[in-house]
Amino acid sequence: MARNNNNLVVSEARAVLYKFKMESAKEDEVNLKDSYNGNLTAREDGAVERNMAKKMVKA
């Protein structure tokens, strides 16, 4: 059975990453909620993730 290895090394980073995700979604005009976002298409979700990855690599 697969294990979840998404544990953050720095626990304070969770809030910063959440804020970063919401900012990226706003730039891509994707309506993210604080709760379940199962209504997003794969394209919308992928756009947010790509935007975050581009910013992290650029920094």
PDB file of N, CA and C in Angstrom:
ATOM      1  N   MET A   1       0.839  -1.171   0.000  1.00  0.00           N
ATOM      2  CA  MET A   1       0.000   0.000   0.000  1.00  0.00           C
ATOM      3  C   MET A   1       0.888   1.239   0.000  1.00  0.00           C
ATOM      4  N   ALA A   2       0.513   2.250  -0.762  1.00  0.00           N
ATOM      5  CA  ALA A   2       1.303   3.470  -0.879  1.00  0.00           C
ATOM      6  C   ALA A   2       1.216   4.289   0.403  1.00  0.00           C
ATOM      7  N   ARG A   3       2.321   4.923   0.713  1.00  0.00           N
ATOM      8  CA  ARG A   3       2.359   5.802   1.883  1.00  0.00           C
ATOM      9  C   ARG A   3       2.365   7.248   1.421  1.00  0.00           C
ATOM     10  N   ASN A   4       1.801   8.112   2.205  1.00  0.00           N
ATOM     11  CA  ASN A   4       1.784   9.538   1.900  1.00  0.00           C
ATOM     12  C   ASN A   4       3.088  10.145   2.394  1.00  0.00           C
ATOM     13  N   ASN A   5       3.915  10.606   1.486  1.00  0.00           N
ATOM     14  CA  ASN A   5       5.188  11.233   1.841  1.00  0.00           C
ATOM     15  C   ASN A   5       5.145  12.738   1.640  1.00  0.00           C
ATOM     16  N   ASN A   6       3.972  13.334   1.779  1.00  0.00           N
ATOM     17  CA  ASN A   6       3.821  14.764   1.575  1.00  0.00           C
ATOM     18  C   ASN A   6       4.013  15.559   2.861  1.00  0.00           C
ATOM     19  N   ASN A   7       4.799  15.042   3.774  1.00  0.00           N
ATOM     20  CA  ASN A   7       5.043  15.740   5.030  1.00  0.00           C
ATOM     21  C   ASN A   7       6.006  16.889   4.791  1.00  0.00           C
ATOM     22  N   LEU A   8       5.671  18.040   5.351  1.00  0.00           N
ATOM     23  CA  LEU A   8       6.536  19.205   5.215  1.00  0.00           C
ATOM     24  C   LEU A   8       7.643  19.141   6.255  1.00  0.00           C
ATOM     25  N   VAL A   9       8.846  19.487   5.844  1.00  0.00           N
ATOM     26  CA  VAL A   9       9.976  19.504   6.767  1.00  0.00           C
ATOM     27  C   VAL A   9       9.809  20.654   7.751  1.00  0.00           C
ATOM     28  N   VAL A  10       9.366  21.799   7.243  1.00  0.00           N
ATOM     29  CA  VAL A  10       9.122  22.976   8.082  1.00  0.00           C
ATOM     30  C   VAL A  10       7.609  23.143   8.181  1.00  0.00           C
ATOM     31  N   SER A  11       7.064  22.935   9.349  1.00  0.00           N
ATOM     32  CA  SER A  11       5.608  22.943   9.499  1.00  0.00           C
ATOM     33  C   SER A  11       4.991  24.309   9.198  1.00  0.00           C
ATOM     34  N   GLU A  12       5.729  25.388   9.388  1.00  0.00           N
ATOM     35  CA  GLU A  12       5.216  26.728   9.108  1.00  0.00           C
ATOM     36  C   GLU A  12       5.053  26.971   7.611  1.00  0.00           C
ATOM     37  N   ALA A  13       5.644  26.129   6.789  1.00  0.00           N
ATOM     38  CA  ALA A  13       5.579  26.311   5.341  1.00  0.00           C
ATOM     39  C   ALA A  13       4.189  26.018   4.792  1.00  0.00           C
ATOM     40  N   ARG A  14       3.371  25.275   5.523  1.00  0.00           N
ATOM     41  CA  ARG A  14       2.045  24.912   5.029  1.00  0.00           C
ATOM     42  C   ARG A  14       1.213  26.158   4.705  1.00  0.00           C
ATOM     43  N   ALA A  15       1.193  27.135   5.586  1.00  0.00           N
ATOM     44  CA  ALA A  15       0.410  28.351   5.365  1.00  0.00           C
ATOM     45  C   ALA A  15       0.965  29.149   4.190  1.00  0.00           C
ATOM     46  N   VAL A  16       2.271  29.195   4.070  1.00  0.00           N
ATOM     47  CA  VAL A  16       2.897  29.941   2.975  1.00  0.00           C
ATOM     48  C   VAL A  16       2.589  29.270   1.637  1.00  0.00           C
ATOM     49  N   LEU A  17       2.666  27.944   1.583  1.00  0.00           N
ATOM     50  CA  LEU A  17       2.353  27.227   0.345  1.00  0.00           C
ATOM     51  C   LEU A  17       0.878  27.374  -0.027  1.00  0.00           C
ATOM     52  N   TYR A  18       0.008  27.382   0.963  1.00  0.00           N
ATOM     53  CA  TYR A  18      -1.419  27.569   0.697  1.00  0.00           C
ATOM     54  C   TYR A  18      -1.666  28.949   0.098  1.00  0.00           C
ATOM     55  N   LYS A  19      -1.047  29.967   0.682  1.00  0.00           N
ATOM     56  CA  LYS A  19      -1.194  31.333   0.164  1.00  0.00           C
ATOM     57  C   LYS A  19      -0.651  31.424  -1.258  1.00  0.00           C
ATOM     58  N   PHE A  20       0.480  30.785  -1.505  1.00  0.00           N
ATOM     59  CA  PHE A  20       1.096  30.759  -2.829  1.00  0.00           C
ATOM     60  C   PHE A  20       0.160  30.099  -3.844  1.00  0.00           C
ATOM     61  N   LYS A  21      -0.479  29.000  -3.450  1.00  0.00           N
ATOM     62  CA  LYS A  21      -1.417  28.300  -4.328  1.00  0.00           C
ATOM     63  C   LYS A  21      -2.610  29.184  -4.660  1.00  0.00           C
ATOM     64  N   MET A  22      -3.145  29.879  -3.673  1.00  0.00           N
ATOM     65  CA  MET A  22      -4.297  30.741  -3.906  1.00  0.00           C
ATOM     66  C   MET A  22      -3.937  31.915  -4.813  1.00  0.00           C
ATOM     67  N   GLU A  23      -2.733  32.488  -4.644  1.00  0.00           N
ATOM     68  CA  GLU A  23      -2.289  33.575  -5.518  1.00  0.00           C
ATOM     69  C   GLU A  23      -2.130  33.083  -6.952  1.00  0.00           C
ATOM     70  N   SER A  24      -1.576  31.903  -7.122  1.00  0.00           N
ATOM     71  CA  SER A  24      -1.405  31.332  -8.460  1.00  0.00           C
ATOM     72  C   SER A  24      -2.758  31.071  -9.112  1.00  0.00           C
ATOM     73  N   ALA A  25      -3.707  30.595  -8.347  1.00  0.00           N
ATOM     74  CA  ALA A  25      -5.047  30.339  -8.878  1.00  0.00           C
ATOM     75  C   ALA A  25      -5.714  31.639  -9.306  1.00  0.00           C
ATOM     76  N   LYS A  26      -5.532  32.681  -8.526  1.00  0.00           N
ATOM     77  CA  LYS A  26      -6.131  33.971  -8.866  1.00  0.00           C
ATOM     78  C   LYS A  26      -5.544  34.503 -10.172  1.00  0.00           C
ATOM     79  N   GLU A  27      -4.230  34.347 -10.359  1.00  0.00           N
ATOM     80  CA  GLU A  27      -3.591  34.798 -11.591  1.00  0.00           C
ATOM     81  C   GLU A  27      -4.107  34.028 -12.800  1.00  0.00           C
ATOM     82  N   ASP A  28      -4.415  32.750 -12.619  1.00  0.00           N
ATOM     83  CA  ASP A  28      -4.929  31.918 -13.710  1.00  0.00           C
ATOM     84  C   ASP A  28      -6.449  31.992 -13.821  1.00  0.00           C
ATOM     85  N   GLU A  29      -7.065  32.826 -12.998  1.00  0.00           N
ATOM     86  CA  GLU A  29      -8.516  33.012 -12.977  1.00  0.00           C
ATOM     87  C   GLU A  29      -9.255  31.698 -12.715  1.00  0.00           C
ATOM     88  N   VAL A  30      -8.708  30.917 -11.786  1.00  0.00           N
ATOM     89  CA  VAL A  30      -9.332  29.667 -11.352  1.00  0.00           C
ATOM     90  C   VAL A  30      -9.944  29.922  -9.982  1.00  0.00           C
ATOM     91  N   ASN A  31     -11.213  29.568  -9.827  1.00  0.00           N
ATOM     92  CA  ASN A  31     -11.928  29.825  -8.581  1.00  0.00           C
ATOM     93  C   ASN A  31     -11.698  28.676  -7.600  1.00  0.00           C
ATOM     94  N   LEU A  32     -10.695  28.822  -6.733  1.00  0.00           N
ATOM     95  CA  LEU A  32     -10.429  27.816  -5.702  1.00  0.00           C
ATOM     96  C   LEU A  32     -11.185  28.183  -4.433  1.00  0.00           C
ATOM     97  N   LYS A  33     -11.653  27.168  -3.737  1.00  0.00           N
ATOM     98  CA  LYS A  33     -12.329  27.365  -2.457  1.00  0.00           C
ATOM     99  C   LYS A  33     -11.418  26.869  -1.342  1.00  0.00           C
ATOM    100  N   ASP A  34     -11.752  27.221  -0.124  1.00  0.00           N
ATOM    101  CA  ASP A  34     -10.988  26.741   1.026  1.00  0.00           C
ATOM    102  C   ASP A  34     -11.247  25.264   1.293  1.00  0.00           C
ATOM    103  N   SER A  35     -12.341  24.762   0.772  1.00  0.00           N
ATOM    104  CA  SER A  35     -12.692  23.363   1.024  1.00  0.00           C
ATOM    105  C   SER A  35     -12.465  22.531  -0.240  1.00  0.00           C
ATOM    106  N   TYR A  36     -13.274  21.549  -0.454  1.00  0.00           N
ATOM    107  CA  TYR A  36     -13.159  20.595  -1.564  1.00  0.00           C
ATOM    108  C   TYR A  36     -13.238  21.297  -2.924  1.00  0.00           C
ATOM    109  N   ASN A  37     -12.305  20.973  -3.817  1.00  0.00           N
ATOM    110  CA  ASN A  37     -12.278  21.570  -5.149  1.00  0.00           C
ATOM    111  C   ASN A  37     -12.426  20.513  -6.235  1.00  0.00           C
ATOM    112  N   GLY A  38     -13.264  19.523  -6.005  1.00  0.00           N
ATOM    113  CA  GLY A  38     -13.459  18.443  -6.955  1.00  0.00           C
ATOM    114  C   GLY A  38     -14.170  18.861  -8.221  1.00  0.00           C
ATOM    115  N   ASN A  39     -14.721  20.066  -8.231  1.00  0.00           N
ATOM    116  CA  ASN A  39     -15.417  20.539  -9.418  1.00  0.00           C
ATOM    117  C   ASN A  39     -14.469  21.132 -10.462  1.00  0.00           C
ATOM    118  N   LEU A  40     -13.182  21.224 -10.154  1.00  0.00           N
ATOM    119  CA  LEU A  40     -12.221  21.772 -11.109  1.00  0.00           C
ATOM    120  C   LEU A  40     -11.923  20.761 -12.204  1.00  0.00           C
ATOM    121  N   THR A  41     -11.703  21.278 -13.400  1.00  0.00           N
ATOM    122  CA  THR A  41     -11.275  20.394 -14.479  1.00  0.00           C
ATOM    123  C   THR A  41      -9.782  20.131 -14.327  1.00  0.00           C
ATOM    124  N   ALA A  42      -9.307  19.099 -14.996  1.00  0.00           N
ATOM    125  CA  ALA A  42      -7.875  18.791 -14.955  1.00  0.00           C
ATOM    126  C   ALA A  42      -7.075  19.943 -15.545  1.00  0.00           C
ATOM    127  N   ARG A  43      -7.632  20.601 -16.538  1.00  0.00           N
ATOM    128  CA  ARG A  43      -6.953  21.739 -17.162  1.00  0.00           C
ATOM    129  C   ARG A  43      -6.784  22.888 -16.166  1.00  0.00           C
ATOM    130  N   GLU A  44      -7.838  23.187 -15.406  1.00  0.00           N
ATOM    131  CA  GLU A  44      -7.767  24.268 -14.424  1.00  0.00           C
ATOM    132  C   GLU A  44      -6.772  23.935 -13.318  1.00  0.00           C
ATOM    133  N   ASP A  45      -6.863  22.721 -12.809  1.00  0.00           N
ATOM    134  CA  ASP A  45      -5.965  22.304 -11.736  1.00  0.00           C
ATOM    135  C   ASP A  45      -4.519  22.291 -12.225  1.00  0.00           C
ATOM    136  N   GLY A  46      -4.307  21.806 -13.420  1.00  0.00           N
ATOM    137  CA  GLY A  46      -2.965  21.770 -13.992  1.00  0.00           C
ATOM    138  C   GLY A  46      -2.389  23.150 -14.205  1.00  0.00           C
ATOM    139  N   ALA A  47      -3.241  24.109 -14.570  1.00  0.00           N
ATOM    140  CA  ALA A  47      -2.772  25.479 -14.783  1.00  0.00           C
ATOM    141  C   ALA A  47      -2.222  26.065 -13.490  1.00  0.00           C
ATOM    142  N   VAL A  48      -2.906  25.804 -12.395  1.00  0.00           N
ATOM    143  CA  VAL A  48      -2.444  26.309 -11.097  1.00  0.00           C
ATOM    144  C   VAL A  48      -1.105  25.671 -10.740  1.00  0.00           C
ATOM    145  N   GLU A  49      -1.010  24.360 -10.894  1.00  0.00           N
ATOM    146  CA  GLU A  49       0.229  23.648 -10.554  1.00  0.00           C
ATOM    147  C   GLU A  49       1.389  24.083 -11.444  1.00  0.00           C
ATOM    148  N   ARG A  50       1.143  24.251 -12.747  1.00  0.00           N
ATOM    149  CA  ARG A  50       2.207  24.705 -13.661  1.00  0.00           C
ATOM    150  C   ARG A  50       2.687  26.095 -13.287  1.00  0.00           C
ATOM    151  N   ASN A  51       1.751  26.984 -12.957  1.00  0.00           N
ATOM    152  CA  ASN A  51       2.110  28.345 -12.578  1.00  0.00           C
ATOM    153  C   ASN A  51       2.971  28.336 -11.316  1.00  0.00           C
ATOM    154  N   MET A  52       2.612  27.503 -10.348  1.00  0.00           N
ATOM    155  CA  MET A  52       3.399  27.407  -9.116  1.00  0.00           C
ATOM    156  C   MET A  52       4.799  26.880  -9.417  1.00  0.00           C
ATOM    157  N   ALA A  53       4.891  25.853 -10.239  1.00  0.00           N
ATOM    158  CA  ALA A  53       6.194  25.263 -10.566  1.00  0.00           C
ATOM    159  C   ALA A  53       7.080  26.264 -11.301  1.00  0.00           C
ATOM    160  N   LYS A  54       6.508  27.006 -12.239  1.00  0.00           N
ATOM    161  CA  LYS A  54       7.281  28.010 -12.979  1.00  0.00           C
ATOM    162  C   LYS A  54       7.847  29.062 -12.035  1.00  0.00           C
ATOM    163  N   LYS A  55       7.018  29.522 -11.098  1.00  0.00           N
ATOM    164  CA  LYS A  55       7.476  30.541 -10.148  1.00  0.00           C
ATOM    165  C   LYS A  55       8.578  30.000  -9.240  1.00  0.00           C
ATOM    166  N   MET A  56       8.446  28.746  -8.796  1.00  0.00           N
ATOM    167  CA  MET A  56       9.457  28.170  -7.905  1.00  0.00           C
ATOM    168  C   MET A  56      10.778  27.974  -8.633  1.00  0.00           C
ATOM    169  N   VAL A  57      10.736  27.566  -9.889  1.00  0.00           N
ATOM    170  CA  VAL A  57      11.966  27.373 -10.654  1.00  0.00           C
ATOM    171  C   VAL A  57      12.611  28.718 -10.954  1.00  0.00           C
ATOM    172  N   LYS A  58      11.790  29.712 -11.241  1.00  0.00           N
ATOM    173  CA  LYS A  58      12.296  31.049 -11.556  1.00  0.00           C
ATOM    174  C   LYS A  58      13.000  31.668 -10.355  1.00  0.00           C
ATOM    175  N   ALA A  59      12.497  31.407  -9.159  1.00  0.00           N
ATOM    176  CA  ALA A  59      13.061  31.991  -7.934  1.00  0.00           C
ATOM    177  C   ALA A  59      14.335  31.341  -7.596  1.00  0.00           C
TER     178      ALA A  59
END
